[in-house]
N, C-alpha and C. Protein backbone atom coordinates (compact mmCIF):
# COMPACT_ATOMS: atom_id res chain seq x y z
N GLN A 1 21.89 12.82 9.30
CA GLN A 1 22.22 14.20 8.99
C GLN A 1 22.88 14.28 7.61
N MET A 2 23.82 13.39 7.35
CA MET A 2 24.51 13.41 6.07
C MET A 2 23.56 13.06 4.92
N LEU A 3 22.66 12.13 5.17
CA LEU A 3 21.69 11.75 4.14
C LEU A 3 20.80 12.93 3.77
N HIS A 4 20.35 13.69 4.77
CA HIS A 4 19.53 14.86 4.49
C HIS A 4 20.32 15.88 3.66
N SER A 5 21.57 16.07 3.99
CA SER A 5 22.41 17.01 3.24
C SER A 5 22.59 16.55 1.80
N LEU A 6 22.80 15.26 1.61
CA LEU A 6 22.96 14.74 0.25
C LEU A 6 21.68 14.89 -0.57
N LEU A 7 20.55 14.63 0.06
CA LEU A 7 19.28 14.77 -0.65
C LEU A 7 18.99 16.23 -0.98
N LYS A 8 19.35 17.15 -0.08
CA LYS A 8 19.18 18.57 -0.36
C LYS A 8 20.07 19.00 -1.53
N LEU A 9 21.29 18.50 -1.53
CA LEU A 9 22.22 18.81 -2.62
C LEU A 9 21.71 18.26 -3.94
N PHE A 10 21.19 17.05 -3.91
CA PHE A 10 20.63 16.43 -5.11
C PHE A 10 19.45 17.25 -5.62
N ASP A 11 18.57 17.67 -4.70
CA ASP A 11 17.42 18.49 -5.06
C ASP A 11 17.88 19.82 -5.67
N TYR A 12 18.91 20.41 -5.09
CA TYR A 12 19.45 21.67 -5.60
C TYR A 12 20.04 21.48 -7.00
N ALA A 13 20.72 20.36 -7.21
CA ALA A 13 21.32 20.08 -8.52
C ALA A 13 20.26 19.95 -9.61
N LEU A 14 19.06 19.55 -9.22
CA LEU A 14 17.98 19.40 -10.20
C LEU A 14 17.39 20.73 -10.64
N LYS A 15 17.81 21.81 -10.03
CA LYS A 15 17.36 23.14 -10.46
C LYS A 15 17.92 23.46 -11.86
N LEU A 16 19.03 22.81 -12.22
CA LEU A 16 19.60 22.98 -13.55
C LEU A 16 18.91 22.03 -14.52
N LYS A 17 18.37 22.58 -15.58
CA LYS A 17 17.63 21.78 -16.55
C LYS A 17 18.49 20.66 -17.13
N ALA A 18 19.78 20.93 -17.34
CA ALA A 18 20.67 19.91 -17.92
C ALA A 18 20.76 18.69 -17.02
N ASN A 19 20.82 18.89 -15.71
CA ASN A 19 20.89 17.76 -14.78
C ASN A 19 19.58 16.96 -14.80
N CYS A 20 18.48 17.68 -14.84
CA CYS A 20 17.18 17.02 -14.87
C CYS A 20 17.01 16.22 -16.16
N THR A 21 17.39 16.82 -17.26
CA THR A 21 17.30 16.16 -18.55
C THR A 21 18.15 14.89 -18.57
N HIS A 22 19.30 14.96 -17.96
CA HIS A 22 20.19 13.80 -17.88
C HIS A 22 19.53 12.66 -17.10
N LEU A 23 18.84 13.01 -16.03
CA LEU A 23 18.25 11.98 -15.15
C LEU A 23 16.97 11.36 -15.70
N ILE A 24 16.31 12.00 -16.66
CA ILE A 24 15.09 11.39 -17.19
C ILE A 24 15.40 10.35 -18.26
N SER A 25 16.66 10.17 -18.57
CA SER A 25 17.03 9.12 -19.50
C SER A 25 16.79 7.76 -18.84
N PRO A 26 16.01 6.88 -19.49
CA PRO A 26 15.75 5.56 -18.90
C PRO A 26 17.03 4.77 -18.62
N ALA A 27 18.08 5.03 -19.37
CA ALA A 27 19.34 4.31 -19.16
C ALA A 27 19.96 4.65 -17.81
N ARG A 28 19.66 5.80 -17.25
CA ARG A 28 20.21 6.21 -15.94
C ARG A 28 19.51 5.52 -14.78
N ARG A 29 18.29 5.05 -15.00
CA ARG A 29 17.50 4.35 -13.98
C ARG A 29 17.30 5.17 -12.71
N ALA A 30 17.23 6.49 -12.85
CA ALA A 30 17.06 7.36 -11.68
C ALA A 30 15.71 7.13 -11.00
N VAL A 31 14.64 7.03 -11.78
CA VAL A 31 13.31 6.87 -11.20
C VAL A 31 13.18 5.54 -10.45
N PRO A 32 13.57 4.40 -11.05
CA PRO A 32 13.47 3.15 -10.28
C PRO A 32 14.32 3.16 -9.01
N ILE A 33 15.48 3.77 -9.06
CA ILE A 33 16.35 3.83 -7.87
C ILE A 33 15.71 4.70 -6.80
N LEU A 34 15.15 5.84 -7.20
CA LEU A 34 14.49 6.71 -6.22
C LEU A 34 13.22 6.06 -5.67
N LEU A 35 12.49 5.33 -6.50
CA LEU A 35 11.31 4.62 -6.00
C LEU A 35 11.70 3.54 -4.99
N ALA A 36 12.78 2.85 -5.26
CA ALA A 36 13.26 1.83 -4.31
C ALA A 36 13.68 2.49 -2.99
N THR A 37 14.33 3.64 -3.09
CA THR A 37 14.74 4.38 -1.89
C THR A 37 13.52 4.82 -1.10
N LEU A 38 12.51 5.31 -1.80
CA LEU A 38 11.27 5.73 -1.15
C LEU A 38 10.60 4.55 -0.45
N ASN A 39 10.54 3.42 -1.12
CA ASN A 39 9.94 2.22 -0.51
C ASN A 39 10.69 1.80 0.74
N GLN A 40 12.00 1.86 0.70
CA GLN A 40 12.80 1.49 1.88
C GLN A 40 12.53 2.46 3.02
N ALA A 41 12.47 3.75 2.72
CA ALA A 41 12.21 4.74 3.77
C ALA A 41 10.83 4.53 4.40
N LEU A 42 9.85 4.22 3.58
CA LEU A 42 8.50 4.01 4.10
C LEU A 42 8.37 2.70 4.88
N SER A 43 9.18 1.73 4.55
CA SER A 43 9.07 0.43 5.24
C SER A 43 9.66 0.48 6.65
N VAL A 44 10.53 1.43 6.93
CA VAL A 44 11.16 1.52 8.25
C VAL A 44 10.20 2.09 9.30
N LYS A 45 9.32 2.99 8.90
CA LYS A 45 8.29 3.55 9.77
C LYS A 45 8.86 4.25 11.00
N GLN A 46 9.83 5.12 10.78
CA GLN A 46 10.37 5.96 11.84
C GLN A 46 10.32 7.41 11.38
N GLU A 47 10.30 8.32 12.33
CA GLU A 47 10.18 9.74 12.01
C GLU A 47 11.29 10.21 11.08
N PHE A 48 12.52 9.78 11.35
CA PHE A 48 13.65 10.16 10.49
C PHE A 48 13.39 9.76 9.05
N CYS A 49 12.85 8.58 8.86
CA CYS A 49 12.61 8.08 7.51
C CYS A 49 11.46 8.79 6.82
N SER A 50 10.53 9.33 7.59
CA SER A 50 9.44 10.07 6.95
C SER A 50 9.98 11.35 6.32
N LYS A 51 10.98 11.96 6.93
CA LYS A 51 11.61 13.16 6.34
C LYS A 51 12.40 12.79 5.09
N VAL A 52 13.06 11.65 5.13
CA VAL A 52 13.77 11.16 3.95
C VAL A 52 12.78 10.91 2.82
N ALA A 53 11.66 10.28 3.16
CA ALA A 53 10.63 9.99 2.16
C ALA A 53 10.10 11.28 1.53
N GLN A 54 9.89 12.30 2.33
CA GLN A 54 9.41 13.58 1.81
C GLN A 54 10.42 14.20 0.85
N GLN A 55 11.71 14.12 1.18
CA GLN A 55 12.74 14.67 0.31
C GLN A 55 12.82 13.88 -1.00
N VAL A 56 12.73 12.57 -0.91
CA VAL A 56 12.79 11.73 -2.12
C VAL A 56 11.57 12.01 -2.99
N LEU A 57 10.40 12.18 -2.38
CA LEU A 57 9.20 12.52 -3.15
C LEU A 57 9.35 13.85 -3.88
N SER A 58 9.97 14.81 -3.23
CA SER A 58 10.21 16.11 -3.86
C SER A 58 11.12 15.96 -5.08
N ILE A 59 12.15 15.16 -4.93
CA ILE A 59 13.09 14.91 -6.04
C ILE A 59 12.38 14.18 -7.18
N LEU A 60 11.60 13.17 -6.84
CA LEU A 60 10.84 12.44 -7.86
C LEU A 60 9.86 13.36 -8.58
N GLU A 61 9.22 14.23 -7.84
CA GLU A 61 8.28 15.17 -8.46
C GLU A 61 8.99 16.04 -9.49
N THR A 62 10.16 16.54 -9.15
CA THR A 62 10.92 17.38 -10.07
C THR A 62 11.29 16.61 -11.34
N ILE A 63 11.78 15.39 -11.16
CA ILE A 63 12.20 14.57 -12.31
C ILE A 63 11.00 14.20 -13.18
N LEU A 64 9.90 13.79 -12.56
CA LEU A 64 8.73 13.38 -13.33
C LEU A 64 8.06 14.56 -14.02
N LEU A 65 8.11 15.73 -13.40
CA LEU A 65 7.58 16.93 -14.06
C LEU A 65 8.39 17.25 -15.32
N GLU A 66 9.70 17.17 -15.20
CA GLU A 66 10.58 17.41 -16.36
C GLU A 66 10.33 16.36 -17.44
N ALA A 67 10.14 15.12 -17.02
CA ALA A 67 9.88 14.05 -17.98
C ALA A 67 8.56 14.27 -18.71
N SER A 68 7.55 14.73 -18.00
CA SER A 68 6.26 14.98 -18.66
C SER A 68 6.35 16.15 -19.62
N GLN A 69 7.12 17.16 -19.28
CA GLN A 69 7.29 18.31 -20.17
C GLN A 69 8.10 17.93 -21.41
N ALA A 70 9.01 16.98 -21.24
CA ALA A 70 9.82 16.52 -22.37
C ALA A 70 9.10 15.43 -23.15
N GLN A 71 7.88 15.12 -22.73
CA GLN A 71 7.04 14.09 -23.36
C GLN A 71 7.75 12.74 -23.38
N THR A 72 8.40 12.42 -22.27
CA THR A 72 9.05 11.13 -22.12
C THR A 72 8.00 10.07 -21.80
N ASP A 73 8.15 8.91 -22.37
CA ASP A 73 7.25 7.79 -22.10
C ASP A 73 7.45 7.33 -20.67
N MET A 74 6.44 7.53 -19.83
CA MET A 74 6.56 7.17 -18.41
C MET A 74 6.74 5.67 -18.22
N GLY A 75 6.13 4.88 -19.08
CA GLY A 75 6.31 3.43 -19.00
C GLY A 75 7.75 3.04 -19.24
N GLU A 76 8.38 3.72 -20.18
CA GLU A 76 9.79 3.46 -20.48
C GLU A 76 10.68 3.93 -19.33
N LEU A 77 10.28 5.02 -18.69
CA LEU A 77 11.06 5.58 -17.59
C LEU A 77 11.09 4.66 -16.38
N THR A 78 10.01 3.93 -16.15
CA THR A 78 9.92 3.05 -14.99
C THR A 78 9.93 1.57 -15.38
N ALA A 79 10.28 1.27 -16.63
CA ALA A 79 10.23 -0.10 -17.14
C ALA A 79 11.07 -1.05 -16.28
N GLY A 80 10.53 -2.23 -16.09
CA GLY A 80 11.26 -3.28 -15.38
C GLY A 80 11.30 -3.09 -13.88
N THR A 81 10.48 -2.22 -13.35
CA THR A 81 10.50 -2.02 -11.91
C THR A 81 9.17 -2.45 -11.28
N SER A 82 9.27 -3.09 -10.16
CA SER A 82 8.07 -3.46 -9.42
C SER A 82 7.87 -2.48 -8.26
N GLU A 83 8.70 -1.45 -8.21
CA GLU A 83 8.68 -0.51 -7.10
C GLU A 83 7.37 0.27 -7.01
N VAL A 84 6.75 0.53 -8.15
CA VAL A 84 5.48 1.27 -8.13
C VAL A 84 4.41 0.44 -7.42
N GLY A 85 4.37 -0.84 -7.71
CA GLY A 85 3.41 -1.72 -7.04
C GLY A 85 3.64 -1.79 -5.55
N VAL A 86 4.89 -1.87 -5.14
CA VAL A 86 5.22 -1.90 -3.71
C VAL A 86 4.80 -0.58 -3.05
N LEU A 87 5.08 0.52 -3.74
CA LEU A 87 4.74 1.84 -3.22
C LEU A 87 3.23 1.97 -3.01
N LEU A 88 2.46 1.43 -3.92
CA LEU A 88 1.00 1.49 -3.79
C LEU A 88 0.51 0.77 -2.53
N GLY A 89 1.26 -0.24 -2.10
CA GLY A 89 0.90 -0.96 -0.89
C GLY A 89 1.03 -0.11 0.37
N PHE A 90 1.84 0.94 0.31
CA PHE A 90 2.03 1.80 1.48
C PHE A 90 0.94 2.87 1.63
N ILE A 91 0.14 3.07 0.60
CA ILE A 91 -0.84 4.15 0.62
C ILE A 91 -1.80 4.02 1.80
N GLU A 92 -2.22 2.81 2.09
CA GLU A 92 -3.20 2.60 3.15
C GLU A 92 -2.57 2.42 4.54
N SER A 93 -1.25 2.43 4.63
CA SER A 93 -0.63 2.19 5.94
C SER A 93 -0.89 3.36 6.89
N SER A 94 -1.03 3.05 8.15
CA SER A 94 -1.30 4.08 9.15
C SER A 94 -0.12 5.04 9.26
N PHE A 95 1.09 4.55 9.05
CA PHE A 95 2.27 5.42 9.12
C PHE A 95 2.22 6.50 8.05
N VAL A 96 1.89 6.11 6.83
CA VAL A 96 1.80 7.09 5.74
C VAL A 96 0.64 8.05 5.98
N ARG A 97 -0.47 7.53 6.40
CA ARG A 97 -1.64 8.38 6.65
C ARG A 97 -1.38 9.40 7.76
N SER A 98 -0.59 9.04 8.75
CA SER A 98 -0.32 9.95 9.85
C SER A 98 0.68 11.04 9.47
N HIS A 99 1.32 10.90 8.32
CA HIS A 99 2.31 11.89 7.88
C HIS A 99 1.87 12.64 6.62
N THR A 100 0.58 12.64 6.34
CA THR A 100 0.10 13.36 5.16
C THR A 100 -0.62 14.63 5.55
């Protein structure tokens, strides 16, 4: 319950452009941290975690949309992370497919 509240608050905070701009800085490592969180939620394969994954995806979408509008180098934004590769491994899982 508290995790859902925190993620909702985080999502709400991203409505302010200044907060979003702050998070697209590669030095903040927001995208790699959120990708790692998403991977952990997907690896648990429980209903509670699917809701967490959906909230994290919404947050990532907001940040990446802002980054693309600011013409931020996406490679630089996710540099040094293997989380994207791990995430791609979940695409074919039955758990992910049943929640799309």
